[in-house]
Protein backbone atom coordinates (compact mmCIF):
# COMPACT_ATOMS: atom_id res chain seq x y z
CA MET A 1 11.05 114.71 4.62
CA PHE A 2 11.30 111.73 2.42
CA ASN A 3 12.65 111.98 -1.02
CA HIS A 4 10.23 110.29 -3.50
CA ARG A 5 12.53 110.20 -6.64
CA ILE A 6 12.88 107.32 -9.02
CA LEU A 7 14.06 103.88 -8.00
CA ARG A 8 16.95 102.70 -9.99
CA ALA A 9 17.38 99.09 -11.65
CA THR A 10 20.11 98.17 -9.02
CA VAL A 11 17.48 98.49 -6.05
CA PRO A 12 15.69 95.12 -6.51
CA VAL A 13 19.13 93.20 -5.93
CA LEU A 14 20.10 95.53 -3.11
CA VAL A 15 16.84 95.27 -1.32
CA TRP A 16 15.95 91.75 -1.74
CA LEU A 17 19.43 89.96 -2.14
CA ALA A 18 22.46 91.80 -0.70
CA LEU A 19 20.82 92.95 2.63
CA THR A 20 19.16 89.45 3.42
CA THR A 21 19.89 87.46 6.29
CA PHE A 22 18.50 84.17 5.12
CA LEU A 23 16.35 82.06 7.20
CA PRO A 24 16.85 78.35 6.90
CA ALA A 25 13.72 76.79 5.10
CA GLN A 26 12.60 74.92 8.19
CA GLN A 27 12.27 78.12 9.83
CA GLU A 28 10.18 79.87 7.28
CA PRO A 29 6.60 80.41 9.01
CA LYS A 30 3.93 78.07 7.49
CA LEU A 31 1.07 80.74 6.97
CA SER A 32 -1.62 80.58 4.27
CA GLU A 33 -2.14 83.64 2.20
CA GLU A 34 -4.75 85.11 4.03
CA GLN A 35 -2.64 84.65 7.16
CA THR A 36 0.37 86.22 5.25
CA LYS A 37 -2.02 89.17 4.22
CA THR A 38 -3.04 89.86 7.74
CA PHE A 39 0.16 89.58 9.33
CA LEU A 40 1.59 92.08 6.49
CA LYS A 41 -1.16 94.57 7.17
CA THR A 42 -1.21 94.40 10.90
CA ALA A 43 1.70 93.00 12.54
CA GLU A 44 3.87 95.55 14.72
CA VAL A 45 7.08 97.13 13.02
CA ILE A 46 9.77 96.24 15.54
CA ALA A 47 12.89 97.30 13.30
CA ARG A 48 13.49 98.97 10.26
CA LYS A 49 16.66 99.24 7.88
CA ASN A 50 17.29 101.33 4.93
CA THR A 51 19.21 99.90 2.00
CA PRO A 52 22.69 101.72 1.69
CA LYS A 53 22.39 102.59 -2.15
CA GLY A 54 19.91 104.14 -4.38
CA VAL A 55 18.09 107.22 -4.08
CA THR A 56 14.88 106.13 -2.59
CA SER A 57 15.11 102.32 -1.73
CA PRO A 58 12.39 100.37 -0.01
CA TYR A 59 12.64 99.72 3.28
CA ARG A 60 13.28 96.39 4.98
CA LEU A 61 11.06 96.18 7.98
CA THR A 62 10.98 93.48 10.59
CA LEU A 63 7.32 92.62 11.68
CA SER A 64 6.02 90.69 14.82
CA ASP A 65 2.51 89.57 15.92
CA GLY A 66 3.88 87.95 19.19
CA ASN A 67 3.97 84.70 17.60
CA VAL A 68 5.78 85.13 14.12
CA THR A 69 8.81 87.48 13.39
CA HIS A 70 9.38 87.96 9.80
CA ASP A 71 10.89 90.57 7.46
CA ALA A 72 9.00 92.49 4.88
CA ALA A 73 9.89 94.87 2.00
CA PHE A 74 8.02 98.22 2.03
CA ASN A 75 7.99 100.30 -1.19
CA TYR A 76 6.23 103.74 -1.18
CA ILE A 77 7.18 105.14 -4.75
CA ASN A 78 4.29 106.67 -6.67
CA GLU A 79 5.42 109.17 -9.15
CA SER A 80 4.32 110.17 -12.58
CA ARG A 81 5.89 112.43 -15.16
CA GLN A 82 4.67 113.94 -18.49
CA ARG A 83 8.03 113.05 -20.09
CA ILE A 84 11.16 111.60 -19.01
CA GLN A 85 14.48 110.46 -20.98
CA PHE A 86 16.80 107.92 -19.63
CA SER A 87 20.32 107.47 -19.41
CA ASP A 88 20.27 105.14 -22.40
CA GLY A 89 18.53 107.66 -24.38
CA ARG A 90 15.12 106.37 -24.27
CA THR A 91 12.16 108.54 -23.86
CA GLU A 92 9.01 107.68 -22.20
CA VAL A 93 5.82 109.87 -22.19
CA ASN A 94 3.33 109.71 -19.24
CA PHE A 95 5.94 107.87 -17.36
CA LYS A 96 4.63 106.03 -14.11
CA ASP A 97 6.68 104.49 -11.26
CA SER A 98 4.27 103.12 -8.49
CA TYR A 99 3.86 100.89 -5.57
CA LYS A 100 0.45 100.22 -7.00
CA TYR A 101 1.58 98.24 -9.86
CA ASP A 102 3.25 95.56 -7.46
CA ILE A 103 0.08 94.92 -5.93
CA ALA A 104 -2.05 94.85 -9.08
CA ALA A 105 0.92 92.53 -10.53
CA TYR A 106 0.47 90.15 -7.75
CA GLU A 107 -3.49 90.00 -8.14
CA LEU A 108 -3.26 89.35 -11.69
CA ALA A 109 -0.49 86.73 -11.35
CA LYS A 110 -2.93 84.85 -8.97
CA LEU A 111 -5.81 85.17 -11.43
CA LEU A 112 -3.43 83.53 -13.88
CA GLY A 113 -2.16 80.55 -11.44
CA LEU A 114 1.17 82.25 -11.10
CA GLY A 115 0.88 83.51 -7.49
CA ASP A 116 3.40 81.00 -6.45
CA MET A 117 6.00 82.93 -8.40
CA MET A 118 5.42 86.22 -6.56
CA PRO A 119 5.82 87.13 -2.94
CA VAL A 120 2.28 87.97 -1.02
CA THR A 121 2.02 91.71 -1.52
CA VAL A 122 -0.77 94.02 -0.07
CA GLU A 123 -1.34 97.64 0.71
CA ARG A 124 -0.07 99.33 4.15
CA LYS A 125 0.35 102.64 5.75
CA TRP A 126 3.58 103.13 7.74
CA HIS A 127 5.11 105.99 8.96
CA GLY A 128 2.32 108.41 7.10
CA MET A 129 3.21 106.69 3.89
CA THR A 130 1.21 104.31 1.88
CA GLY A 131 2.98 101.88 -0.05
CA ALA A 132 3.27 98.19 -0.95
CA ILE A 133 4.59 95.55 1.61
CA SER A 134 5.72 92.25 0.69
CA TRP A 135 6.95 89.15 2.28
CA TRP A 136 10.67 89.02 2.52
CA LEU A 137 11.95 85.83 0.26
CA PRO A 138 14.67 83.74 1.30
CA VAL A 139 16.31 83.88 -2.03
CA LYS A 140 19.94 82.43 -2.88
CA MET A 141 20.80 84.82 -5.87
CA ASP A 142 19.29 86.34 -8.90
CA GLU A 143 19.50 85.33 -12.25
CA ALA A 144 22.12 87.69 -13.22
CA THR A 145 24.29 86.08 -10.49
CA ARG A 146 23.49 82.71 -11.76
CA LEU A 147 24.52 83.50 -15.37
CA LYS A 148 27.69 85.49 -14.25
CA GLN A 149 28.76 82.70 -12.10
CA LYS A 150 27.59 79.99 -15.06
CA ILE A 151 25.37 78.11 -12.35
CA GLU A 152 23.38 75.25 -14.30
CA PRO A 153 20.10 74.61 -12.68
CA PRO A 154 19.53 70.84 -11.73
CA ASP A 155 16.63 70.59 -13.97
CA PRO A 156 17.04 72.80 -17.05
CA GLU A 157 13.68 71.71 -18.56
CA ALA A 158 11.95 72.97 -15.38
CA TRP A 159 13.75 76.18 -15.09
CA ASN A 160 13.09 77.04 -18.74
CA ARG A 161 9.28 76.47 -17.93
CA ARG A 162 9.82 78.72 -15.22
CA MET A 163 11.32 81.49 -17.41
CA TYR A 164 8.64 80.91 -20.30
CA LYS A 165 6.02 81.99 -17.68
CA LYS A 166 7.92 84.92 -16.40
CA ARG A 167 8.47 86.31 -19.93
CA ILE A 168 4.90 85.84 -20.87
CA PHE A 169 3.71 87.69 -17.69
CA ALA A 170 6.03 90.59 -18.28
CA GLU A 171 4.80 90.92 -21.73
CA LEU A 172 1.30 90.97 -20.44
CA VAL A 173 1.84 93.57 -17.96
CA TYR A 174 4.14 95.45 -20.35
CA ASP A 175 7.02 95.68 -17.67
CA THR A 176 9.26 98.41 -19.05
CA ASP A 177 12.01 97.71 -16.07
CA ILE A 178 12.91 94.04 -17.09
CA ASN A 179 16.43 93.23 -15.76
CA LEU A 180 17.90 89.83 -14.56
CA THR A 181 17.88 91.14 -10.95
CA ASN A 182 14.15 91.02 -10.84
CA ALA A 183 14.37 87.08 -11.22
CA LEU A 184 15.08 85.69 -7.70
CA ILE A 185 16.23 82.14 -7.17
CA SER A 186 15.69 80.20 -3.48
CA ALA A 187 17.93 77.41 -2.56
CA ASP A 188 15.17 74.79 -3.93
CA TRP A 189 15.18 76.57 -7.42
CA GLN A 190 11.87 78.32 -7.28
CA LEU A 191 11.98 81.36 -9.35
CA TRP A 192 10.27 84.48 -8.01
CA MET A 193 9.15 87.76 -9.92
CA ILE A 194 9.59 91.05 -8.03
CA ASP A 195 9.55 94.61 -8.89
CA PHE A 196 6.64 95.70 -11.30
CA THR A 197 6.61 99.34 -10.25
CA ARG A 198 7.09 100.44 -13.98
CA ALA A 199 4.61 98.08 -15.62
CA PHE A 200 1.01 98.35 -16.63
CA ARG A 201 1.47 100.93 -19.54
CA VAL A 202 -1.62 101.49 -21.62
CA TYR A 203 0.01 100.36 -24.65
CA SER A 204 -2.22 97.65 -26.74
CA ASP A 205 0.93 96.30 -28.60
CA LEU A 206 3.47 93.91 -27.01
CA ARG A 207 6.77 95.41 -25.64
CA GLU A 208 8.65 92.60 -27.34
CA LYS A 209 6.77 89.98 -29.40
CA ALA A 210 9.78 87.69 -29.63
CA ASN A 211 9.45 86.99 -25.66
CA ILE A 212 6.44 85.15 -26.79
CA THR A 213 6.97 83.63 -29.87
CA GLY A 214 10.26 82.30 -28.40
CA SER A 215 8.68 80.95 -25.18
CA LYS A 216 6.55 77.87 -25.01
CA CYS A 217 3.44 77.97 -22.68
CA GLU A 218 1.79 76.16 -20.04
CA ARG A 219 -1.53 74.76 -21.11
CA HIS A 220 -3.32 75.85 -17.92
CA LEU A 221 -1.66 79.44 -18.35
CA LEU A 222 -3.19 79.84 -21.85
CA GLU A 223 -6.45 78.56 -20.82
CA ARG A 224 -6.49 81.18 -18.01
CA LEU A 225 -5.21 84.10 -20.18
CA ARG A 226 -8.21 82.91 -22.73
CA ASN A 227 -10.84 82.93 -19.74
CA LEU A 228 -9.46 86.30 -18.11
CA GLY A 229 -12.37 88.52 -17.63
CA ARG A 230 -12.29 92.14 -17.53
CA ASP A 231 -14.72 92.44 -14.74
CA GLU A 232 -12.75 89.95 -12.75
CA LEU A 233 -9.74 92.00 -13.29
CA THR A 234 -11.01 95.14 -12.28
CA ARG A 235 -12.45 93.72 -9.34
CA ASN A 236 -9.31 92.40 -8.05
CA THR A 237 -7.11 95.39 -9.12
CA LYS A 238 -9.70 98.09 -7.88
CA GLY A 239 -7.78 101.22 -6.87
CA TYR A 240 -4.39 100.08 -8.31
CA LEU A 241 -5.26 100.19 -12.11
CA THR A 242 -7.02 102.55 -14.29
CA ASN A 243 -9.62 101.84 -16.86
CA ALA A 244 -7.01 102.41 -19.49
CA GLU A 245 -4.26 100.52 -17.92
CA ILE A 246 -7.02 97.32 -17.78
CA ASP A 247 -7.53 98.12 -21.33
CA GLY A 248 -3.77 97.72 -22.17
CA VAL A 249 -3.88 94.32 -20.29
CA MET A 250 -6.88 92.99 -22.03
CA ALA A 251 -5.35 94.06 -25.48
CA ARG A 252 -2.08 92.45 -24.91
CA ARG A 253 -3.87 89.44 -23.56
CA ASP A 254 -5.75 89.17 -26.73
CA LYS A 255 -2.46 89.34 -28.94
CA ILE A 256 -0.72 86.88 -26.78
CA VAL A 257 -3.46 84.38 -27.25
CA ALA A 258 -3.63 84.92 -30.67
CA ILE A 259 0.17 84.28 -31.02
CA TYR A 260 -0.19 81.01 -29.22
CA ASP A 261 -3.22 80.14 -31.27
CA ASP A 262 -1.58 80.66 -34.29
CA LEU A 263 1.44 78.70 -33.18
CA ILE A 264 -0.59 75.70 -32.18
CA ILE A 265 -2.25 75.67 -35.77
CA LYS A 266 1.36 75.86 -37.51
CA ASN A 267 3.49 73.48 -35.28
CA GLY A 268 1.08 71.64 -33.20
CA GLU A 269 0.49 71.74 -29.69
CA LYS A 270 3.54 69.35 -28.66
CA GLU A 271 5.76 72.05 -29.98
CA VAL A 272 3.95 74.98 -28.50
CA LEU A 273 2.56 73.98 -25.08
CA PHE A 274 3.67 71.85 -22.03
CA ASP A 275 1.89 70.66 -18.99
CA ASP A 276 3.42 71.68 -15.83
CA PRO A 277 3.29 68.93 -13.20
CA LEU A 278 3.85 71.16 -10.23
CA PRO A 279 0.96 71.94 -8.28
CA LYS A 280 -1.00 75.45 -8.48
């Protein structure tokens, strides 16, 4: 019997970082997104590992299709409570913690051109459990470790731009479990966003407006936000987001776009927007 209790904030770093046996970059399989999805959905599970801490930590699974062998994270949390009080005194009504939001976050990120900042994530059944399975990332550290050890990125401007995108996305999905261990860093300083199981609240307001007003926005990201259609979002997140949760995303999208439009009028595009030279 599996105990489906609430994941704590320490789990992501334990799952994605502390237990990882890193593959050298040249050994990472070169698969397309569709090939990766197929692998995650169908490859045989040949080994599994529990994380040593946390109440219900995701599994680390080793998958193989006969040609490719690679690890994946399997998260099956799917809980809801009418009311919950956290150790810091904060109370949340209609609390949800679900693997479905990890899948929805990945699909939404792709619509916004941010798919390269998240591991490929799909739904899979394993051992009678339905959950989200994600490609295991060859990361070097998380943002909490970077700051604690005072490690400076080789290109601070490029790093700041990645963090701006992360903050904007976190506000869009109303992530209530933001912490620095959810920002993973690879050896080449790619920023990866993980763990959105406590996102997609139904609120129309932003969680922290300062995360938007204090962040520049990539020009194409703003356009994708502006052009994000409800029908498209509904189609891509079918089975993972409710109508009310989609309403929340669209309402927060409107607020984010309005803030940047106002900042552009006040300060000019040069002070608000940037052009990211990295390929999408």
